[in-house]
Amino acid sequence: MMNNLISWINNLKFDKYGLLPAITQEYKTNSILMLAWMNDEALYETVRTKKVVYWSRSRNRIWRKGEESGHIQIVHEIRTDCDNDVLLLKVEQIGGISCHTGRNSCFFLKLENPEITTNGDINRLEWKEIDPILKNPEHIYK
């Protein structure tokens, strides 16, 4: 597959490491679930199987979403942006959990309580957890 890439993959602009950012969105609600990375192999496998496959930068290998947790993502639509350098994956999140913290979305921290001084400096900010843990990660990853 790698020696004979299909033209739709060749139209994409991968970074110098051969990766593209992939924003994952719940197809029914349009809620943003996560951002991860894909190389050409992960994208090809995602299209072929209709189950999302990413490239794990920390593990330096292909990562089939849900391979450990069972929380797979079923592809409903794949889009690219106007520059062909970002993917948008519209998915059905099986089990309702996309984050390794046991939450629906990886974007569960919200910047709150900005205190701006009279000269415009930021004096205080804090990250607040706004989404509940749906399942304890210790019970997901055994």
N, C-alpha and C. Protein backbone atom coordinates (compact mmCIF):
# COMPACT_ATOMS: atom_id res chain seq x y z
N MET A 1 0.82 -1.19 0.00
CA MET A 1 0.00 0.00 0.00
C MET A 1 0.87 1.26 0.00
N MET A 2 1.95 1.27 0.78
CA MET A 2 2.77 2.48 0.91
C MET A 2 3.47 2.84 -0.39
N ASN A 3 3.88 1.83 -1.18
CA ASN A 3 4.58 2.11 -2.43
C ASN A 3 3.64 2.61 -3.52
N ASN A 4 2.37 2.35 -3.37
CA ASN A 4 1.41 2.65 -4.42
C ASN A 4 0.26 3.49 -3.85
N LEU A 5 0.60 4.65 -3.29
CA LEU A 5 -0.43 5.48 -2.65
C LEU A 5 -1.46 5.97 -3.64
N ILE A 6 -2.68 5.99 -3.17
CA ILE A 6 -3.81 6.44 -3.98
C ILE A 6 -3.78 7.97 -4.04
N SER A 7 -4.24 8.54 -5.15
CA SER A 7 -4.14 9.99 -5.38
C SER A 7 -4.83 10.82 -4.31
N TRP A 8 -5.92 10.34 -3.72
CA TRP A 8 -6.60 11.14 -2.70
C TRP A 8 -5.72 11.33 -1.47
N ILE A 9 -4.86 10.38 -1.18
CA ILE A 9 -3.91 10.56 -0.07
C ILE A 9 -2.79 11.50 -0.51
N ASN A 10 -2.35 11.39 -1.75
CA ASN A 10 -1.28 12.25 -2.25
C ASN A 10 -1.68 13.72 -2.28
N ASN A 11 -2.96 14.02 -2.35
CA ASN A 11 -3.42 15.41 -2.35
C ASN A 11 -3.29 16.08 -0.99
N LEU A 12 -3.11 15.29 0.04
CA LEU A 12 -3.00 15.85 1.40
C LEU A 12 -1.59 16.33 1.67
N LYS A 13 -1.48 17.32 2.55
CA LYS A 13 -0.18 17.91 2.90
C LYS A 13 0.22 17.47 4.31
N PHE A 14 0.93 16.36 4.37
CA PHE A 14 1.44 15.85 5.63
C PHE A 14 2.62 16.72 6.08
N ASP A 15 2.84 16.81 7.39
CA ASP A 15 3.96 17.60 7.89
C ASP A 15 5.28 16.87 7.64
N LYS A 16 6.38 17.43 8.10
CA LYS A 16 7.70 16.85 7.83
C LYS A 16 7.89 15.48 8.48
N TYR A 17 7.01 15.13 9.43
CA TYR A 17 7.07 13.81 10.07
C TYR A 17 6.10 12.83 9.42
N GLY A 18 5.41 13.28 8.36
CA GLY A 18 4.45 12.43 7.67
C GLY A 18 3.11 12.35 8.37
N LEU A 19 2.77 13.38 9.16
CA LEU A 19 1.54 13.35 9.96
C LEU A 19 0.60 14.49 9.59
N LEU A 20 -0.68 14.26 9.86
CA LEU A 20 -1.73 15.28 9.73
C LEU A 20 -2.50 15.32 11.04
N PRO A 21 -2.86 16.52 11.54
CA PRO A 21 -3.76 16.56 12.69
C PRO A 21 -5.15 16.12 12.25
N ALA A 22 -5.81 15.37 13.11
CA ALA A 22 -7.16 14.88 12.83
C ALA A 22 -8.07 15.27 13.99
N ILE A 23 -9.01 16.15 13.72
CA ILE A 23 -10.00 16.56 14.71
C ILE A 23 -11.16 15.57 14.62
N THR A 24 -11.55 15.02 15.76
CA THR A 24 -12.62 14.04 15.78
C THR A 24 -13.84 14.65 16.43
N GLN A 25 -14.97 14.52 15.73
CA GLN A 25 -16.22 15.17 16.12
C GLN A 25 -17.34 14.13 16.12
N GLU A 26 -18.21 14.18 17.13
CA GLU A 26 -19.38 13.30 17.19
C GLU A 26 -20.33 13.72 16.08
N TYR A 27 -20.70 12.78 15.21
CA TYR A 27 -21.46 13.15 14.01
C TYR A 27 -22.87 13.62 14.30
N LYS A 28 -23.50 13.18 15.39
CA LYS A 28 -24.88 13.60 15.69
C LYS A 28 -24.94 14.96 16.36
N THR A 29 -24.00 15.22 17.27
CA THR A 29 -24.05 16.44 18.08
C THR A 29 -23.05 17.51 17.64
N ASN A 30 -22.09 17.14 16.81
CA ASN A 30 -20.98 18.00 16.41
C ASN A 30 -20.06 18.38 17.56
N SER A 31 -20.16 17.69 18.67
CA SER A 31 -19.26 17.90 19.80
C SER A 31 -17.85 17.44 19.42
N ILE A 32 -16.85 18.27 19.74
CA ILE A 32 -15.46 17.90 19.47
C ILE A 32 -15.02 16.91 20.54
N LEU A 33 -14.55 15.76 20.10
CA LEU A 33 -14.15 14.71 21.03
C LEU A 33 -12.66 14.73 21.33
N MET A 34 -11.85 14.92 20.31
CA MET A 34 -10.41 14.83 20.51
C MET A 34 -9.66 15.34 19.29
N LEU A 35 -8.37 15.50 19.46
CA LEU A 35 -7.46 15.78 18.37
C LEU A 35 -6.34 14.75 18.47
N ALA A 36 -6.05 14.13 17.35
CA ALA A 36 -4.97 13.15 17.32
C ALA A 36 -4.25 13.31 15.97
N TRP A 37 -3.39 12.37 15.64
CA TRP A 37 -2.57 12.46 14.43
C TRP A 37 -2.77 11.22 13.58
N MET A 38 -2.64 11.42 12.27
CA MET A 38 -2.73 10.30 11.33
C MET A 38 -1.57 10.39 10.34
N ASN A 39 -1.01 9.24 10.00
CA ASN A 39 -0.10 9.18 8.87
C ASN A 39 -0.88 8.55 7.71
N ASP A 40 -0.24 8.35 6.57
CA ASP A 40 -0.97 7.82 5.41
C ASP A 40 -1.50 6.41 5.67
N GLU A 41 -0.75 5.60 6.40
CA GLU A 41 -1.20 4.23 6.70
C GLU A 41 -2.44 4.25 7.59
N ALA A 42 -2.45 5.12 8.61
CA ALA A 42 -3.60 5.21 9.51
C ALA A 42 -4.84 5.69 8.75
N LEU A 43 -4.66 6.66 7.88
CA LEU A 43 -5.79 7.17 7.11
C LEU A 43 -6.32 6.10 6.16
N TYR A 44 -5.44 5.42 5.47
CA TYR A 44 -5.85 4.35 4.56
C TYR A 44 -6.63 3.28 5.31
N GLU A 45 -6.11 2.86 6.46
CA GLU A 45 -6.76 1.82 7.27
C GLU A 45 -8.10 2.30 7.81
N THR A 46 -8.20 3.58 8.16
CA THR A 46 -9.46 4.16 8.63
C THR A 46 -10.51 4.10 7.53
N VAL A 47 -10.13 4.48 6.32
CA VAL A 47 -11.08 4.46 5.20
C VAL A 47 -11.48 3.02 4.87
N ARG A 48 -10.51 2.13 4.90
CA ARG A 48 -10.77 0.73 4.54
C ARG A 48 -11.69 0.04 5.53
N THR A 49 -11.49 0.28 6.83
CA THR A 49 -12.24 -0.45 7.87
C THR A 49 -13.45 0.32 8.41
N LYS A 50 -13.51 1.62 8.14
CA LYS A 50 -14.54 2.51 8.69
C LYS A 50 -14.47 2.61 10.22
N LYS A 51 -13.32 2.24 10.79
CA LYS A 51 -13.01 2.41 12.21
C LYS A 51 -11.75 3.25 12.29
N VAL A 52 -11.75 4.25 13.18
CA VAL A 52 -10.65 5.21 13.20
C VAL A 52 -9.36 4.58 13.71
N VAL A 53 -8.30 4.86 12.95
CA VAL A 53 -6.95 4.44 13.29
C VAL A 53 -6.09 5.71 13.28
N TYR A 54 -5.32 5.90 14.34
CA TYR A 54 -4.45 7.07 14.45
C TYR A 54 -3.00 6.63 14.45
N TRP A 55 -2.12 7.62 14.42
CA TRP A 55 -0.69 7.40 14.66
C TRP A 55 -0.41 7.95 16.04
N SER A 56 0.07 7.11 16.93
CA SER A 56 0.41 7.53 18.29
C SER A 56 1.83 8.06 18.30
N ARG A 57 1.97 9.34 18.56
CA ARG A 57 3.31 9.94 18.63
C ARG A 57 4.05 9.45 19.86
N SER A 58 3.35 9.21 20.98
CA SER A 58 4.03 8.77 22.19
C SER A 58 4.48 7.31 22.09
N ARG A 59 3.71 6.48 21.40
CA ARG A 59 4.07 5.07 21.24
C ARG A 59 4.87 4.82 19.95
N ASN A 60 4.87 5.81 19.06
CA ASN A 60 5.54 5.72 17.77
C ASN A 60 5.06 4.51 16.96
N ARG A 61 3.71 4.39 16.91
CA ARG A 61 3.12 3.27 16.17
C ARG A 61 1.66 3.57 15.84
N ILE A 62 1.10 2.74 14.97
CA ILE A 62 -0.32 2.81 14.65
C ILE A 62 -1.12 2.53 15.93
N TRP A 63 -2.20 3.28 16.10
CA TRP A 63 -3.06 3.13 17.28
C TRP A 63 -4.50 3.01 16.80
N ARG A 64 -5.04 1.83 16.94
CA ARG A 64 -6.44 1.59 16.59
C ARG A 64 -7.29 2.04 17.77
N LYS A 65 -8.03 3.12 17.58
CA LYS A 65 -8.81 3.70 18.67
C LYS A 65 -9.71 2.62 19.26
N GLY A 66 -9.61 2.44 20.56
CA GLY A 66 -10.41 1.45 21.27
C GLY A 66 -9.75 0.09 21.39
N GLU A 67 -8.50 -0.05 20.92
CA GLU A 67 -7.85 -1.36 20.96
C GLU A 67 -7.69 -1.88 22.39
N GLU A 68 -7.57 -1.00 23.35
CA GLU A 68 -7.48 -1.42 24.75
C GLU A 68 -8.80 -1.18 25.49
N SER A 69 -9.46 -0.06 25.19
CA SER A 69 -10.65 0.33 25.95
C SER A 69 -11.95 -0.23 25.40
N GLY A 70 -11.96 -0.58 24.11
CA GLY A 70 -13.20 -1.00 23.47
C GLY A 70 -14.02 0.17 22.95
N HIS A 71 -13.57 1.40 23.20
CA HIS A 71 -14.29 2.60 22.78
C HIS A 71 -13.87 3.02 21.37
N ILE A 72 -14.31 2.23 20.39
CA ILE A 72 -13.94 2.50 19.01
C ILE A 72 -14.74 3.66 18.44
N GLN A 73 -14.26 4.20 17.35
CA GLN A 73 -14.93 5.29 16.65
C GLN A 73 -15.28 4.80 15.24
N ILE A 74 -16.57 4.81 14.92
CA ILE A 74 -17.07 4.40 13.62
C ILE A 74 -17.16 5.65 12.73
N VAL A 75 -16.53 5.60 11.57
CA VAL A 75 -16.47 6.75 10.67
C VAL A 75 -17.79 6.94 9.92
N HIS A 76 -18.28 8.17 9.96
CA HIS A 76 -19.45 8.55 9.17
C HIS A 76 -19.05 9.48 8.03
N GLU A 77 -17.99 10.25 8.24
CA GLU A 77 -17.56 11.20 7.22
C GLU A 77 -16.13 11.63 7.50
N ILE A 78 -15.37 11.85 6.43
CA ILE A 78 -14.01 12.38 6.55
C ILE A 78 -13.93 13.62 5.65
N ARG A 79 -13.44 14.70 6.21
CA ARG A 79 -13.26 15.94 5.46
C ARG A 79 -11.82 16.42 5.62
N THR A 80 -11.41 17.28 4.70
CA THR A 80 -10.14 17.98 4.87
C THR A 80 -10.42 19.47 4.75
N ASP A 81 -9.52 20.27 5.27
CA ASP A 81 -9.71 21.73 5.20
C ASP A 81 -9.26 22.25 3.84
N CYS A 82 -9.39 23.56 3.66
CA CYS A 82 -9.08 24.20 2.37
C CYS A 82 -7.62 24.09 1.98
N ASP A 83 -6.72 23.90 2.95
CA ASP A 83 -5.29 23.75 2.65
C ASP A 83 -4.86 22.29 2.54
N ASN A 84 -5.79 21.38 2.76
CA ASN A 84 -5.51 19.93 2.72
C ASN A 84 -4.46 19.51 3.74
N ASP A 85 -4.42 20.21 4.90
CA ASP A 85 -3.43 19.84 5.91
C ASP A 85 -4.02 19.54 7.28
N VAL A 86 -5.35 19.42 7.36
CA VAL A 86 -6.04 19.03 8.59
C VAL A 86 -7.22 18.15 8.19
N LEU A 87 -7.46 17.10 8.96
CA LEU A 87 -8.62 16.24 8.72
C LEU A 87 -9.68 16.49 9.79
N LEU A 88 -10.93 16.33 9.39
CA LEU A 88 -12.06 16.35 10.30
C LEU A 88 -12.76 15.01 10.15
N LEU A 89 -12.82 14.25 11.24
CA LEU A 89 -13.46 12.94 11.23
C LEU A 89 -14.78 13.05 11.99
N LYS A 90 -15.88 12.77 11.32
CA LYS A 90 -17.18 12.74 11.99
C LYS A 90 -17.47 11.28 12.29
N VAL A 91 -17.63 10.98 13.58
CA VAL A 91 -17.68 9.59 14.02
C VAL A 91 -18.85 9.34 14.97
N GLU A 92 -19.13 8.06 15.12
CA GLU A 92 -19.98 7.58 16.21
C GLU A 92 -19.04 7.03 17.26
N GLN A 93 -19.08 7.60 18.46
CA GLN A 93 -18.19 7.16 19.53
C GLN A 93 -18.87 6.03 20.30
N ILE A 94 -18.39 4.82 20.13
CA ILE A 94 -18.97 3.66 20.80
C ILE A 94 -18.64 3.73 22.29
N GLY A 95 -19.64 3.55 23.12
CA GLY A 95 -19.46 3.60 24.57
C GLY A 95 -19.49 5.00 25.14
N GLY A 96 -19.54 6.03 24.28
CA GLY A 96 -19.65 7.40 24.74
C GLY A 96 -18.40 7.98 25.37
N ILE A 97 -17.30 7.25 25.32
CA ILE A 97 -16.05 7.72 25.95
C ILE A 97 -14.96 7.76 24.88
N SER A 98 -14.40 8.96 24.66
CA SER A 98 -13.29 9.07 23.71
C SER A 98 -11.97 9.35 24.41
N CYS A 99 -12.03 9.86 25.63
CA CYS A 99 -10.82 10.27 26.34
C CYS A 99 -10.32 9.18 27.29
N HIS A 100 -9.00 9.05 27.38
CA HIS A 100 -8.41 8.05 28.28
C HIS A 100 -8.68 8.37 29.74
N THR A 101 -9.23 9.57 30.03
CA THR A 101 -9.58 9.92 31.41
C THR A 101 -10.98 9.41 31.78
N GLY A 102 -11.66 8.76 30.83
CA GLY A 102 -12.99 8.24 31.09
C GLY A 102 -14.11 9.22 30.79
N ARG A 103 -13.79 10.28 30.07
CA ARG A 103 -14.79 11.30 29.72
C ARG A 103 -15.19 11.16 28.25
N ASN A 104 -16.32 11.80 27.92
CA ASN A 104 -16.79 11.80 26.55
C ASN A 104 -15.81 12.52 25.63
N SER A 105 -15.26 13.63 26.07
CA SER A 105 -14.38 14.45 25.24
C SER A 105 -13.05 14.68 25.96
N CYS A 106 -12.00 14.82 25.18
CA CYS A 106 -10.70 15.19 25.75
C CYS A 106 -10.66 16.66 26.17
N PHE A 107 -11.63 17.44 25.72
CA PHE A 107 -11.67 18.88 26.00
C PHE A 107 -12.59 19.15 27.19
N PHE A 108 -12.16 18.69 28.37
CA PHE A 108 -12.99 18.80 29.57
C PHE A 108 -12.50 19.87 30.54
N LEU A 109 -11.44 20.56 30.20
CA LEU A 109 -10.93 21.63 31.04
C LEU A 109 -11.27 22.98 30.42
N LYS A 110 -11.80 23.87 31.23
CA LYS A 110 -12.20 25.20 30.75
C LYS A 110 -11.43 26.26 31.54
N LEU A 111 -10.88 27.24 30.83
CA LEU A 111 -10.17 28.34 31.46
C LEU A 111 -11.18 29.29 32.08
N GLU A 112 -11.08 29.50 33.39
CA GLU A 112 -12.06 30.31 34.10
C GLU A 112 -11.40 31.30 35.04
N ASN A 113 -12.23 32.21 35.51
CA ASN A 113 -11.87 33.20 36.52
C ASN A 113 -10.71 34.11 36.12
N PRO A 114 -10.77 34.65 34.91
CA PRO A 114 -9.68 35.57 34.57
C PRO A 114 -9.76 36.84 35.41
N GLU A 115 -8.67 37.20 35.97
CA GLU A 115 -8.57 38.44 36.74
C GLU A 115 -7.57 39.31 35.99
N ILE A 116 -8.08 40.37 35.39
CA ILE A 116 -7.24 41.26 34.60
C ILE A 116 -6.99 42.53 35.41
N THR A 117 -5.73 42.88 35.50
CA THR A 117 -5.38 44.09 36.26
C THR A 117 -5.73 45.34 35.45
N THR A 118 -5.67 46.49 36.09
CA THR A 118 -6.00 47.75 35.42
C THR A 118 -5.04 48.06 34.28
N ASN A 119 -3.82 47.54 34.32
CA ASN A 119 -2.88 47.78 33.21
C ASN A 119 -2.94 46.67 32.15
N GLY A 120 -3.94 45.77 32.28
CA GLY A 120 -4.18 44.75 31.25
C GLY A 120 -3.45 43.44 31.44
N ASP A 121 -2.72 43.27 32.54
CA ASP A 121 -2.03 42.01 32.79
C ASP A 121 -3.02 40.97 33.31
N ILE A 122 -2.72 39.73 33.03
CA ILE A 122 -3.52 38.63 33.59
C ILE A 122 -2.96 38.30 34.95
N ASN A 123 -3.80 38.39 35.95
CA ASN A 123 -3.36 38.17 37.32
C ASN A 123 -3.66 36.74 37.78
N ARG A 124 -4.79 36.19 37.31
CA ARG A 124 -5.15 34.86 37.78
C ARG A 124 -6.04 34.18 36.74
N LEU A 125 -5.74 32.92 36.51
CA LEU A 125 -6.56 32.05 35.67
C LEU A 125 -6.51 30.66 36.28
N GLU A 126 -7.53 29.87 36.01
CA GLU A 126 -7.50 28.50 36.48
C GLU A 126 -8.25 27.60 35.51
N TRP A 127 -7.81 26.35 35.44
CA TRP A 127 -8.48 25.35 34.62
C TRP A 127 -9.48 24.62 35.49
N LYS A 128 -10.71 24.57 35.04
CA LYS A 128 -11.78 23.91 35.80
C LYS A 128 -12.31 22.74 34.99
N GLU A 129 -12.46 21.58 35.65
CA GLU A 129 -13.04 20.41 35.00
C GLU A 129 -14.54 20.65 34.84
N ILE A 130 -15.02 20.60 33.60
CA ILE A 130 -16.43 20.90 33.36
C ILE A 130 -17.24 19.67 32.93
N ASP A 131 -16.56 18.59 32.58
CA ASP A 131 -17.26 17.38 32.15
C ASP A 131 -16.97 16.25 33.13
N PRO A 132 -17.98 15.44 33.42
CA PRO A 132 -17.80 14.37 34.40
C PRO A 132 -17.04 13.18 33.82
N ILE A 133 -16.44 12.43 34.71
CA ILE A 133 -15.85 11.15 34.34
C ILE A 133 -17.01 10.16 34.23
N LEU A 134 -17.13 9.52 33.07
CA LEU A 134 -18.21 8.57 32.86
C LEU A 134 -17.85 7.17 33.35
N LYS A 135 -16.56 6.86 33.30
CA LYS A 135 -16.09 5.56 33.77
C LYS A 135 -14.66 5.73 34.24
N ASN A 136 -14.37 5.19 35.41
CA ASN A 136 -13.04 5.27 35.98
C ASN A 136 -12.03 4.61 35.04
N PRO A 137 -10.97 5.34 34.64
CA PRO A 137 -9.97 4.77 33.74
C PRO A 137 -9.36 3.45 34.25
N GLU A 138 -9.29 3.27 35.56
CA GLU A 138 -8.76 2.01 36.10
C GLU A 138 -9.64 0.83 35.71
N HIS A 139 -10.93 1.08 35.48
CA HIS A 139 -11.84 0.02 35.05
C HIS A 139 -11.85 -0.16 33.53
N ILE A 140 -11.34 0.83 32.81
CA ILE A 140 -11.27 0.76 31.36
C ILE A 140 -10.00 0.04 30.93
N TYR A 141 -8.87 0.46 31.51
CA TYR A 141 -7.56 -0.07 31.12
C TYR A 141 -7.04 -0.99 32.22
N LYS A 142 -7.27 -2.26 32.04
CA LYS A 142 -6.89 -3.22 33.08
C LYS A 142 -5.51 -3.77 32.82
